[in-house]
């Protein structure tokens, strides 16, 4: 399901109910999820030219499994490895503040980040409970 809070500022919304591709278009889905308190913003005008392919601004929604939270990953880590793993994660994620944003779900880890982190734990010899605390399927905006 689309969460309008994740729609980037400036992203053009579509309200064309006649479009044949509306059910697969992220712009239309975002327009349908528009909060009641929003009454203006960037939009695709109704006079857009359609061709045999449809709308040139069509944006196929790409669902992706995102994750956050590190408690499960660290649950079986030996005390002597905790600082090394946490420091390496902080460096990879862009610092102390970003680390906690990913831990608390303010930011979500994409599939490449998840894979890198899981491989970090594997390189340190851990193979059990290599999962994040939470996962959610969300749409990725290009």
N, C-alpha and C. Protein backbone atom coordinates (compact mmCIF):
# COMPACT_ATOMS: atom_id res chain seq x y z
N UNK A 1 0.84 -1.18 0.00
CA UNK A 1 0.00 0.00 0.00
C UNK A 1 0.88 1.24 0.00
N UNK A 2 0.46 2.25 -0.69
CA UNK A 2 1.21 3.49 -0.81
C UNK A 2 0.97 4.36 0.42
N UNK A 3 2.04 4.91 0.98
CA UNK A 3 1.96 5.85 2.08
C UNK A 3 2.34 7.21 1.53
N UNK A 4 1.40 8.15 1.53
CA UNK A 4 1.64 9.44 0.90
C UNK A 4 2.83 10.17 1.54
N UNK A 5 3.13 9.89 2.79
CA UNK A 5 4.28 10.53 3.44
C UNK A 5 5.59 10.20 2.74
N UNK A 6 5.62 9.10 2.00
CA UNK A 6 6.83 8.68 1.30
C UNK A 6 6.94 9.29 -0.10
N UNK A 7 5.89 9.97 -0.56
CA UNK A 7 5.91 10.60 -1.89
C UNK A 7 6.86 11.79 -1.83
N UNK A 8 7.86 11.83 -2.70
CA UNK A 8 8.83 12.94 -2.66
C UNK A 8 8.18 14.28 -2.99
N UNK A 9 8.71 15.33 -2.37
CA UNK A 9 8.24 16.68 -2.69
C UNK A 9 8.51 16.94 -4.16
N UNK A 10 7.56 17.55 -4.83
CA UNK A 10 7.71 17.87 -6.24
C UNK A 10 7.30 16.75 -7.18
N UNK A 11 6.91 15.60 -6.64
CA UNK A 11 6.49 14.48 -7.48
C UNK A 11 5.14 14.81 -8.10
N UNK A 12 5.05 14.68 -9.43
CA UNK A 12 3.82 15.03 -10.15
C UNK A 12 2.76 13.96 -9.94
N UNK A 13 1.59 14.41 -9.50
CA UNK A 13 0.46 13.51 -9.26
C UNK A 13 -0.47 13.52 -10.46
N UNK A 14 -1.19 12.42 -10.64
CA UNK A 14 -2.14 12.31 -11.74
C UNK A 14 -3.53 12.01 -11.19
N UNK A 15 -4.53 12.63 -11.83
CA UNK A 15 -5.92 12.43 -11.42
C UNK A 15 -6.79 12.03 -12.61
N UNK A 16 -6.14 11.50 -13.65
CA UNK A 16 -6.85 11.14 -14.88
C UNK A 16 -7.51 9.77 -14.72
N UNK A 17 -8.78 9.77 -14.35
CA UNK A 17 -9.53 8.53 -14.15
C UNK A 17 -9.81 7.80 -15.46
N UNK A 18 -9.58 8.46 -16.59
CA UNK A 18 -9.82 7.84 -17.90
C UNK A 18 -8.59 7.11 -18.44
N UNK A 19 -7.47 7.26 -17.79
CA UNK A 19 -6.23 6.65 -18.28
C UNK A 19 -6.32 5.12 -18.18
N UNK A 20 -5.98 4.42 -19.25
CA UNK A 20 -6.05 2.95 -19.22
C UNK A 20 -4.99 2.30 -18.33
N UNK A 21 -3.93 3.04 -17.97
CA UNK A 21 -2.87 2.48 -17.14
C UNK A 21 -2.92 2.98 -15.70
N UNK A 22 -4.00 3.63 -15.32
CA UNK A 22 -4.06 4.25 -13.99
C UNK A 22 -3.85 3.26 -12.84
N UNK A 23 -4.31 2.03 -13.00
CA UNK A 23 -4.20 1.06 -11.91
C UNK A 23 -2.76 0.62 -11.65
N UNK A 24 -1.87 0.84 -12.60
CA UNK A 24 -0.47 0.46 -12.45
C UNK A 24 0.46 1.66 -12.33
N UNK A 25 -0.11 2.86 -12.28
CA UNK A 25 0.70 4.07 -12.30
C UNK A 25 0.87 4.64 -10.89
N UNK A 26 2.12 4.79 -10.48
CA UNK A 26 2.43 5.31 -9.16
C UNK A 26 1.94 6.76 -9.01
N UNK A 27 1.97 7.52 -10.09
CA UNK A 27 1.49 8.91 -10.02
C UNK A 27 -0.01 8.97 -9.72
N UNK A 28 -0.76 8.05 -10.33
CA UNK A 28 -2.20 8.00 -10.08
C UNK A 28 -2.47 7.49 -8.66
N UNK A 29 -1.74 6.45 -8.24
CA UNK A 29 -1.91 5.93 -6.88
C UNK A 29 -1.63 7.00 -5.84
N UNK A 30 -0.58 7.79 -6.08
CA UNK A 30 -0.25 8.87 -5.14
C UNK A 30 -1.36 9.92 -5.13
N UNK A 31 -1.91 10.23 -6.30
CA UNK A 31 -3.01 11.18 -6.36
C UNK A 31 -4.25 10.68 -5.63
N UNK A 32 -4.49 9.38 -5.71
CA UNK A 32 -5.64 8.79 -5.02
C UNK A 32 -5.46 8.81 -3.49
N UNK A 33 -4.20 8.82 -3.05
CA UNK A 33 -3.90 8.79 -1.62
C UNK A 33 -3.64 10.19 -1.06
N UNK A 34 -3.95 11.21 -1.85
CA UNK A 34 -3.72 12.60 -1.46
C UNK A 34 -4.44 12.91 -0.15
N UNK A 35 -3.73 13.44 0.86
CA UNK A 35 -4.38 13.78 2.12
C UNK A 35 -5.40 14.91 1.93
N UNK A 36 -6.41 14.93 2.77
CA UNK A 36 -7.47 15.94 2.68
C UNK A 36 -6.96 17.36 2.87
N UNK A 37 -5.85 17.53 3.58
CA UNK A 37 -5.35 18.88 3.84
C UNK A 37 -4.47 19.43 2.71
N UNK A 38 -4.23 18.65 1.66
CA UNK A 38 -3.46 19.13 0.50
C UNK A 38 -4.42 19.63 -0.56
N UNK A 39 -4.23 20.87 -0.99
CA UNK A 39 -5.13 21.40 -2.01
C UNK A 39 -4.40 22.00 -3.21
N UNK A 40 -3.10 21.85 -3.28
CA UNK A 40 -2.35 22.29 -4.46
C UNK A 40 -1.01 21.55 -4.49
N UNK A 41 -0.38 21.57 -5.66
CA UNK A 41 0.93 20.93 -5.83
C UNK A 41 1.14 20.53 -7.28
N UNK A 42 2.29 19.96 -7.58
CA UNK A 42 2.60 19.56 -8.96
C UNK A 42 1.68 18.43 -9.42
N UNK A 43 1.17 18.60 -10.62
CA UNK A 43 0.24 17.60 -11.16
C UNK A 43 0.43 17.47 -12.67
N UNK A 44 -0.05 16.38 -13.21
CA UNK A 44 -0.06 16.16 -14.65
C UNK A 44 -1.39 16.70 -15.16
N UNK A 45 -1.31 17.56 -16.14
CA UNK A 45 -2.51 18.21 -16.65
C UNK A 45 -3.35 17.24 -17.48
N UNK A 46 -4.65 17.47 -17.50
CA UNK A 46 -5.54 16.53 -18.22
C UNK A 46 -5.36 16.54 -19.73
N UNK A 47 -4.69 17.56 -20.28
CA UNK A 47 -4.50 17.62 -21.73
C UNK A 47 -3.23 16.90 -22.20
N UNK A 48 -2.65 16.06 -21.35
CA UNK A 48 -1.45 15.32 -21.75
C UNK A 48 -1.77 14.44 -22.96
N UNK A 49 -0.84 14.38 -23.87
CA UNK A 49 -1.03 13.57 -25.09
C UNK A 49 -0.79 12.10 -24.79
N UNK A 50 -1.74 11.29 -25.20
CA UNK A 50 -1.60 9.83 -25.08
C UNK A 50 -1.27 9.27 -26.45
N UNK A 51 -0.40 8.28 -26.47
CA UNK A 51 -0.12 7.59 -27.73
C UNK A 51 -0.46 6.11 -27.56
N UNK A 52 0.00 5.28 -28.48
CA UNK A 52 -0.33 3.86 -28.41
C UNK A 52 0.26 3.20 -27.15
N UNK A 53 1.32 3.77 -26.63
CA UNK A 53 1.95 3.25 -25.41
C UNK A 53 1.27 3.79 -24.15
N UNK A 54 0.47 4.81 -24.29
CA UNK A 54 -0.17 5.44 -23.14
C UNK A 54 0.49 6.77 -22.83
N UNK A 55 0.52 7.13 -21.58
CA UNK A 55 1.05 8.42 -21.12
C UNK A 55 2.58 8.38 -21.06
N UNK A 56 3.22 9.44 -21.54
CA UNK A 56 4.68 9.48 -21.50
C UNK A 56 5.22 9.69 -20.08
N UNK A 57 4.37 10.08 -19.15
CA UNK A 57 4.78 10.28 -17.76
C UNK A 57 4.39 9.11 -16.85
N UNK A 58 3.93 8.03 -17.47
CA UNK A 58 3.56 6.83 -16.72
C UNK A 58 4.73 6.38 -15.85
N UNK A 59 4.46 6.07 -14.60
CA UNK A 59 5.50 5.62 -13.67
C UNK A 59 5.03 4.32 -13.04
N UNK A 60 5.57 3.22 -13.53
CA UNK A 60 5.21 1.91 -13.02
C UNK A 60 5.64 1.81 -11.56
N UNK A 61 4.71 1.55 -10.70
CA UNK A 61 5.03 1.38 -9.29
C UNK A 61 5.94 0.18 -9.10
N UNK A 62 7.02 0.36 -8.36
CA UNK A 62 7.97 -0.73 -8.11
C UNK A 62 7.95 -1.05 -6.61
N UNK A 63 7.19 -2.07 -6.22
CA UNK A 63 7.21 -2.42 -4.80
C UNK A 63 8.55 -3.06 -4.42
N UNK A 64 9.02 -2.71 -3.24
CA UNK A 64 10.28 -3.25 -2.76
C UNK A 64 10.16 -3.54 -1.27
N UNK A 65 10.75 -4.65 -0.84
CA UNK A 65 10.77 -5.00 0.57
C UNK A 65 11.84 -4.18 1.28
N UNK A 66 11.42 -3.35 2.18
CA UNK A 66 12.32 -2.49 2.94
C UNK A 66 12.35 -3.00 4.38
N UNK A 67 13.41 -2.66 5.10
CA UNK A 67 13.57 -3.17 6.46
C UNK A 67 14.13 -2.08 7.37
N UNK A 68 13.97 -2.33 8.69
CA UNK A 68 14.60 -1.48 9.69
C UNK A 68 14.71 -2.25 11.00
N UNK A 69 15.60 -1.76 11.84
CA UNK A 69 15.78 -2.35 13.17
C UNK A 69 16.87 -3.40 13.21
N UNK A 70 17.77 -3.29 14.19
CA UNK A 70 18.94 -4.16 14.27
C UNK A 70 18.97 -5.07 15.50
N UNK A 71 17.97 -5.02 16.35
CA UNK A 71 18.01 -5.83 17.59
C UNK A 71 18.15 -7.32 17.30
N UNK A 72 17.40 -7.84 16.35
CA UNK A 72 17.47 -9.27 16.04
C UNK A 72 18.86 -9.64 15.51
N UNK A 73 19.43 -8.79 14.68
CA UNK A 73 20.77 -9.07 14.16
C UNK A 73 21.80 -9.15 15.28
N UNK A 74 21.66 -8.28 16.27
CA UNK A 74 22.64 -8.24 17.36
C UNK A 74 22.32 -9.20 18.50
N UNK A 75 21.20 -9.90 18.42
CA UNK A 75 20.74 -10.71 19.56
C UNK A 75 21.73 -11.81 19.97
N UNK A 76 22.48 -12.36 19.02
CA UNK A 76 23.40 -13.44 19.34
C UNK A 76 24.87 -13.07 19.09
N UNK A 77 25.12 -11.78 18.92
CA UNK A 77 26.49 -11.33 18.68
C UNK A 77 27.27 -11.35 19.99
N UNK A 78 28.47 -11.87 19.92
CA UNK A 78 29.34 -11.91 21.10
C UNK A 78 29.75 -10.48 21.47
N UNK A 79 29.88 -10.26 22.76
CA UNK A 79 30.20 -8.92 23.27
C UNK A 79 31.43 -8.31 22.59
N UNK A 80 32.42 -9.14 22.33
CA UNK A 80 33.67 -8.62 21.74
C UNK A 80 33.49 -8.13 20.30
N UNK A 81 32.38 -8.52 19.63
CA UNK A 81 32.14 -8.09 18.25
C UNK A 81 31.16 -6.93 18.12
N UNK A 82 30.45 -6.62 19.20
CA UNK A 82 29.38 -5.61 19.13
C UNK A 82 29.91 -4.27 18.65
N UNK A 83 30.98 -3.75 19.26
CA UNK A 83 31.50 -2.43 18.88
C UNK A 83 31.99 -2.39 17.45
N UNK A 84 32.68 -3.45 17.02
CA UNK A 84 33.18 -3.50 15.64
C UNK A 84 32.03 -3.48 14.64
N UNK A 85 31.03 -4.31 14.89
CA UNK A 85 29.89 -4.37 13.98
C UNK A 85 29.12 -3.05 13.98
N UNK A 86 28.87 -2.50 15.15
CA UNK A 86 28.10 -1.25 15.23
C UNK A 86 28.87 -0.10 14.57
N UNK A 87 30.15 -0.02 14.80
CA UNK A 87 30.97 1.04 14.19
C UNK A 87 30.98 0.91 12.66
N UNK A 88 31.15 -0.32 12.18
CA UNK A 88 31.15 -0.55 10.72
C UNK A 88 29.80 -0.20 10.12
N UNK A 89 28.72 -0.58 10.80
CA UNK A 89 27.37 -0.23 10.33
C UNK A 89 27.17 1.28 10.29
N UNK A 90 27.59 1.97 11.32
CA UNK A 90 27.45 3.43 11.37
C UNK A 90 28.20 4.08 10.22
N UNK A 91 29.41 3.60 9.95
CA UNK A 91 30.18 4.14 8.84
C UNK A 91 29.46 3.90 7.52
N UNK A 92 28.96 2.70 7.32
CA UNK A 92 28.28 2.34 6.08
C UNK A 92 27.00 3.16 5.88
N UNK A 93 26.26 3.39 6.96
CA UNK A 93 24.98 4.09 6.86
C UNK A 93 25.10 5.60 6.94
N UNK A 94 26.31 6.11 7.11
CA UNK A 94 26.50 7.56 7.06
C UNK A 94 26.57 8.24 8.40
N UNK A 95 26.91 7.50 9.44
CA UNK A 95 27.11 8.12 10.74
C UNK A 95 26.14 7.66 11.81
N UNK A 96 26.40 8.18 13.00
CA UNK A 96 25.65 7.82 14.20
C UNK A 96 24.15 8.12 14.07
N UNK A 97 23.82 9.32 13.63
CA UNK A 97 22.40 9.72 13.51
C UNK A 97 21.66 8.85 12.50
N UNK A 98 22.28 8.63 11.35
CA UNK A 98 21.63 7.79 10.33
C UNK A 98 21.45 6.36 10.82
N UNK A 99 22.44 5.85 11.54
CA UNK A 99 22.33 4.50 12.08
C UNK A 99 21.03 4.38 12.90
N UNK A 100 20.79 5.33 13.78
CA UNK A 100 19.60 5.27 14.63
C UNK A 100 18.32 5.55 13.86
N UNK A 101 18.40 6.32 12.78
CA UNK A 101 17.22 6.51 11.93
C UNK A 101 16.82 5.18 11.27
N UNK A 102 17.80 4.42 10.82
CA UNK A 102 17.53 3.10 10.24
C UNK A 102 17.10 2.11 11.32
N UNK A 103 17.63 2.24 12.49
CA UNK A 103 17.25 1.35 13.59
C UNK A 103 15.81 1.59 14.03
N UNK A 104 15.40 2.85 14.07
CA UNK A 104 14.07 3.22 14.57
C UNK A 104 12.99 3.28 13.48
N UNK A 105 13.36 3.07 12.22
CA UNK A 105 12.38 3.05 11.14
C UNK A 105 12.08 4.42 10.55
N UNK A 106 12.85 5.43 10.93
CA UNK A 106 12.68 6.74 10.30
C UNK A 106 13.19 6.71 8.86
N UNK A 107 14.15 5.85 8.62
CA UNK A 107 14.64 5.55 7.28
C UNK A 107 14.55 4.05 7.09
N UNK A 108 14.39 3.64 5.83
CA UNK A 108 14.24 2.22 5.53
C UNK A 108 15.42 1.73 4.70
N UNK A 109 15.86 0.53 4.99
CA UNK A 109 16.97 -0.09 4.27
C UNK A 109 16.45 -0.75 3.00
N UNK A 110 17.06 -0.40 1.86
CA UNK A 110 16.67 -1.05 0.61
C UNK A 110 17.35 -2.42 0.51
N UNK A 111 17.04 -3.14 -0.55
CA UNK A 111 17.54 -4.52 -0.67
C UNK A 111 19.06 -4.59 -0.72
N UNK A 112 19.72 -3.63 -1.37
CA UNK A 112 21.19 -3.65 -1.45
C UNK A 112 21.80 -3.39 -0.08
N UNK A 113 21.23 -2.47 0.66
CA UNK A 113 21.74 -2.19 2.01
C UNK A 113 21.53 -3.41 2.92
N UNK A 114 20.37 -4.03 2.81
CA UNK A 114 20.09 -5.22 3.63
C UNK A 114 21.11 -6.31 3.33
N UNK A 115 21.37 -6.55 2.05
CA UNK A 115 22.32 -7.59 1.66
C UNK A 115 23.72 -7.29 2.20
N UNK A 116 24.15 -6.02 2.09
CA UNK A 116 25.47 -5.63 2.59
C UNK A 116 25.58 -5.89 4.08
N UNK A 117 24.55 -5.53 4.83
CA UNK A 117 24.57 -5.69 6.29
C UNK A 117 24.58 -7.17 6.67
N UNK A 118 23.74 -7.97 6.02
CA UNK A 118 23.71 -9.41 6.30
C UNK A 118 25.09 -10.02 6.01
N UNK A 119 25.70 -9.62 4.90
CA UNK A 119 27.03 -10.14 4.55
C UNK A 119 28.09 -9.70 5.57
N UNK A 120 27.95 -8.53 6.14
CA UNK A 120 28.87 -8.07 7.18
C UNK A 120 28.82 -9.03 8.38
N UNK A 121 27.62 -9.39 8.80
CA UNK A 121 27.48 -10.31 9.92
C UNK A 121 28.02 -11.70 9.55
N UNK A 122 27.80 -12.12 8.33
CA UNK A 122 28.34 -13.43 7.89
C UNK A 122 29.87 -13.42 7.92
N UNK A 123 30.46 -12.33 7.45
CA UNK A 123 31.93 -12.23 7.46
C UNK A 123 32.50 -12.31 8.87
N UNK A 124 31.70 -11.89 9.85
CA UNK A 124 32.13 -11.95 11.25
C UNK A 124 31.81 -13.31 11.87
N UNK A 125 31.22 -14.24 11.07
CA UNK A 125 30.98 -15.59 11.54
C UNK A 125 29.58 -15.87 12.04
N UNK A 126 28.66 -14.95 11.84
CA UNK A 126 27.29 -15.15 12.32
C UNK A 126 26.39 -15.63 11.19
N UNK A 127 25.60 -16.66 11.49
CA UNK A 127 24.72 -17.23 10.46
C UNK A 127 23.28 -17.38 10.93
N UNK A 128 23.03 -17.24 12.22
CA UNK A 128 21.67 -17.40 12.76
C UNK A 128 21.02 -16.04 12.99
N UNK A 129 19.70 -16.00 12.86
CA UNK A 129 18.90 -14.80 13.10
C UNK A 129 19.36 -13.61 12.28
N UNK A 130 19.77 -13.84 11.05
CA UNK A 130 20.20 -12.74 10.19
C UNK A 130 18.98 -12.13 9.51
N UNK A 131 18.24 -11.42 10.32
CA UNK A 131 17.06 -10.72 9.81
C UNK A 131 16.88 -9.42 10.57
N UNK A 132 16.16 -8.52 9.96
CA UNK A 132 15.91 -7.22 10.57
C UNK A 132 14.65 -7.31 11.43
N UNK A 133 14.48 -6.37 12.32
CA UNK A 133 13.34 -6.40 13.24
C UNK A 133 12.01 -6.24 12.52
N UNK A 134 11.99 -5.45 11.47
CA UNK A 134 10.74 -5.14 10.77
C UNK A 134 10.97 -5.13 9.27
N UNK A 135 9.95 -5.53 8.52
CA UNK A 135 9.98 -5.43 7.06
C UNK A 135 8.63 -4.92 6.58
N UNK A 136 8.66 -4.17 5.51
CA UNK A 136 7.44 -3.65 4.92
C UNK A 136 7.65 -3.53 3.41
N UNK A 137 6.61 -3.81 2.66
CA UNK A 137 6.67 -3.60 1.22
C UNK A 137 6.17 -2.20 0.94
N UNK A 138 6.96 -1.44 0.25
CA UNK A 138 6.61 -0.07 -0.09
C UNK A 138 7.03 0.23 -1.51
N UNK A 139 6.54 1.32 -2.05
CA UNK A 139 6.89 1.70 -3.41
C UNK A 139 8.14 2.57 -3.41
N UNK A 140 8.97 2.35 -4.42
CA UNK A 140 10.19 3.11 -4.60
C UNK A 140 9.95 4.15 -5.68
N UNK A 141 10.25 5.40 -5.36
CA UNK A 141 10.09 6.49 -6.32
C UNK A 141 11.42 6.75 -6.98
N UNK A 142 11.42 6.84 -8.31
CA UNK A 142 12.66 7.13 -9.05
C UNK A 142 12.93 8.62 -9.07
